[in-house]
Amino acid sequence: MSDQYITMYAKLTCDMGCMENYLNVGTDHGVYKVTVEGESYPVMNGADHIVGENIPQFGRCKSPTNMDYEEQSLQKKVWGNIKNFFIKDGKCECTPKILTEWIEVKDDNILEGKGVLTEKSKLVCANGGIISIVIEKGETE
């Protein structure tokens, strides 16, 4: 089986988050993948790892090494129950802190100087999570 190239709107998950979200593109790289339905989406590369531009948040973070938890817990104690405040059940609001570009990219296919993302690509978050690409059953190139 060949590697599946990943495009904008690929589903992402963080093993320390509580929800899935979608990969986004800031500026596309000029290469598109056409789906079976005839839609085309920009292909992503290893540099597409910017929080807020490419990488979303994943709900609440359950990582015991997340340093934001202590700060958010203190804020909750000071301010009480603030509506829409995300600390609950030992979790805090997810704020990804990406350490490096994507790893396990397809280095033999370079797109604007970086390897192309595949279903095997991963990101490491400083809060203790691993961000992965979710391929739905039945999705094909």
Protein backbone atom coordinates (compact mmCIF):
# COMPACT_ATOMS: atom_id res chain seq x y z
CA MET A 1 0.00 0.00 0.00
CA SER A 2 1.40 3.40 -0.91
CA ASP A 3 1.44 6.34 1.48
CA GLN A 4 -1.68 8.47 1.40
CA TYR A 5 -0.88 12.18 1.01
CA ILE A 6 -2.64 14.37 3.52
CA THR A 7 -4.61 17.47 2.57
CA MET A 8 -6.33 20.35 4.28
CA TYR A 9 -9.29 19.20 6.39
CA ALA A 10 -7.67 15.90 7.33
CA LYS A 11 -8.99 14.78 10.69
CA LEU A 12 -6.52 15.09 13.59
CA THR A 13 -6.48 13.68 17.08
CA CYS A 14 -4.26 14.26 20.11
CA ASP A 15 -3.82 11.35 22.50
CA MET A 16 -4.13 13.83 25.41
CA GLY A 17 -7.11 15.74 24.01
CA CYS A 18 -10.80 14.97 24.33
CA MET A 19 -11.97 15.72 20.78
CA GLU A 20 -10.87 15.46 17.16
CA ASN A 21 -10.37 18.50 14.95
CA TYR A 22 -9.19 19.31 11.42
CA LEU A 23 -5.90 20.29 9.81
CA ASN A 24 -6.05 23.67 8.12
CA VAL A 25 -3.88 25.54 5.65
CA GLY A 26 -2.59 29.09 5.95
CA THR A 27 -1.10 29.44 2.48
CA ASP A 28 -1.34 26.48 0.16
CA HIS A 29 1.71 25.07 -1.61
CA GLY A 30 0.12 25.00 -5.08
CA VAL A 31 -0.35 21.22 -5.20
CA TYR A 32 -3.82 19.73 -4.88
CA LYS A 33 -5.23 16.24 -4.46
CA VAL A 34 -8.53 15.52 -6.19
CA THR A 35 -11.01 13.31 -4.37
CA VAL A 36 -13.23 10.65 -5.91
CA GLU A 37 -16.08 13.16 -5.61
CA GLY A 38 -14.11 15.64 -7.75
CA GLU A 39 -13.23 18.08 -4.95
CA SER A 40 -9.63 19.27 -4.67
CA TYR A 41 -7.76 20.10 -1.47
CA PRO A 42 -4.24 21.47 -0.90
CA VAL A 43 -1.58 18.87 -0.05
CA MET A 44 0.18 19.62 3.27
CA ASN A 45 3.89 19.47 4.09
CA GLY A 46 6.03 19.10 7.21
CA ALA A 47 6.12 22.86 7.84
CA ASP A 48 2.33 23.02 8.26
CA HIS A 49 2.51 22.84 12.06
CA ILE A 50 1.62 26.35 13.21
CA VAL A 51 -0.87 26.44 16.10
CA GLY A 52 -3.98 28.41 15.20
CA GLU A 53 -3.11 28.47 11.51
CA ASN A 54 -2.69 24.75 10.77
CA ILE A 55 -3.14 23.04 14.13
CA PRO A 56 -6.34 23.52 16.13
CA GLN A 57 -7.02 22.82 19.79
CA PHE A 58 -8.39 19.48 20.96
CA GLY A 59 -10.88 20.42 23.67
CA ARG A 60 -9.53 19.68 27.13
CA CYS A 61 -6.03 18.37 27.81
CA LYS A 62 -5.68 15.39 30.12
CA SER A 63 -1.88 15.30 30.18
CA PRO A 64 -0.48 15.20 33.72
CA THR A 65 2.58 17.11 32.48
CA ASN A 66 0.57 20.07 31.12
CA MET A 67 1.92 23.10 32.99
CA ASP A 68 -1.18 25.14 32.06
CA TYR A 69 -3.27 22.95 34.37
CA GLU A 70 -1.73 24.43 37.52
CA GLU A 71 -2.20 28.00 36.27
CA GLN A 72 -5.79 27.39 35.15
CA SER A 73 -6.61 25.64 38.44
CA LEU A 74 -5.39 28.70 40.34
CA GLN A 75 -7.49 30.98 38.14
CA LYS A 76 -10.56 28.82 38.84
CA LYS A 77 -9.98 29.03 42.59
CA VAL A 78 -9.58 32.82 42.40
CA TRP A 79 -12.51 33.49 40.07
CA GLY A 80 -14.86 30.65 41.03
CA ASN A 81 -17.07 28.95 38.48
CA ILE A 82 -16.71 31.07 35.37
CA LYS A 83 -19.08 30.13 32.56
CA ASN A 84 -17.29 28.33 29.69
CA PHE A 85 -14.15 27.72 31.76
CA PHE A 86 -12.79 24.36 30.69
CA ILE A 87 -11.25 22.87 33.84
CA LYS A 88 -13.26 19.82 34.75
CA ASP A 89 -12.34 16.34 35.92
CA GLY A 90 -8.62 17.16 36.20
CA LYS A 91 -8.37 18.53 32.67
CA CYS A 92 -7.56 21.99 31.37
CA GLU A 93 -8.19 23.83 28.15
CA CYS A 94 -6.04 22.51 25.31
CA THR A 95 -3.43 24.93 24.07
CA PRO A 96 -1.09 22.99 21.77
CA LYS A 97 2.60 23.82 22.06
CA ILE A 98 4.25 22.20 19.07
CA LEU A 99 7.94 21.38 19.54
CA THR A 100 9.00 20.53 15.98
CA GLU A 101 7.75 20.23 12.45
CA TRP A 102 5.83 17.09 11.50
CA ILE A 103 7.85 13.88 11.83
CA GLU A 104 7.53 10.76 9.66
CA VAL A 105 6.88 12.81 6.51
CA LYS A 106 7.54 11.47 3.00
CA ASP A 107 11.01 12.95 2.44
CA ASP A 108 11.35 11.58 -1.08
CA ASN A 109 8.43 13.80 -2.17
CA ILE A 110 9.37 17.39 -1.42
CA LEU A 111 6.83 20.20 -1.51
CA GLU A 112 8.28 23.70 -1.07
CA GLY A 113 11.38 22.30 0.63
CA LYS A 114 9.62 19.96 3.09
CA GLY A 115 8.41 16.37 2.97
CA VAL A 116 4.75 15.71 2.23
CA LEU A 117 2.48 14.65 5.10
CA THR A 118 1.19 11.07 5.05
CA GLU A 119 -1.11 9.09 7.32
CA LYS A 120 2.01 8.14 9.34
CA SER A 121 3.02 11.75 10.14
CA LYS A 122 2.95 12.93 13.77
CA LEU A 123 3.44 16.10 15.82
CA VAL A 124 4.76 16.29 19.38
CA CYS A 125 3.19 18.72 21.85
CA ALA A 126 5.20 20.12 24.77
CA ASN A 127 2.17 19.44 26.99
CA GLY A 128 2.73 15.69 26.53
CA GLY A 129 0.48 14.80 23.61
CA ILE A 130 1.08 13.17 20.25
CA ILE A 131 -1.00 14.57 17.39
CA SER A 132 -1.88 12.03 14.69
CA ILE A 133 -3.80 11.99 11.44
CA VAL A 134 -7.01 9.95 11.49
CA ILE A 135 -7.78 8.00 8.32
CA GLU A 136 -11.38 6.88 8.21
CA LYS A 137 -12.06 3.31 7.18
CA GLY A 138 -12.65 3.23 3.44
CA GLU A 139 -10.72 6.44 2.69
CA THR A 140 -8.41 5.91 -0.24
CA GLU A 141 -6.14 7.95 -2.43
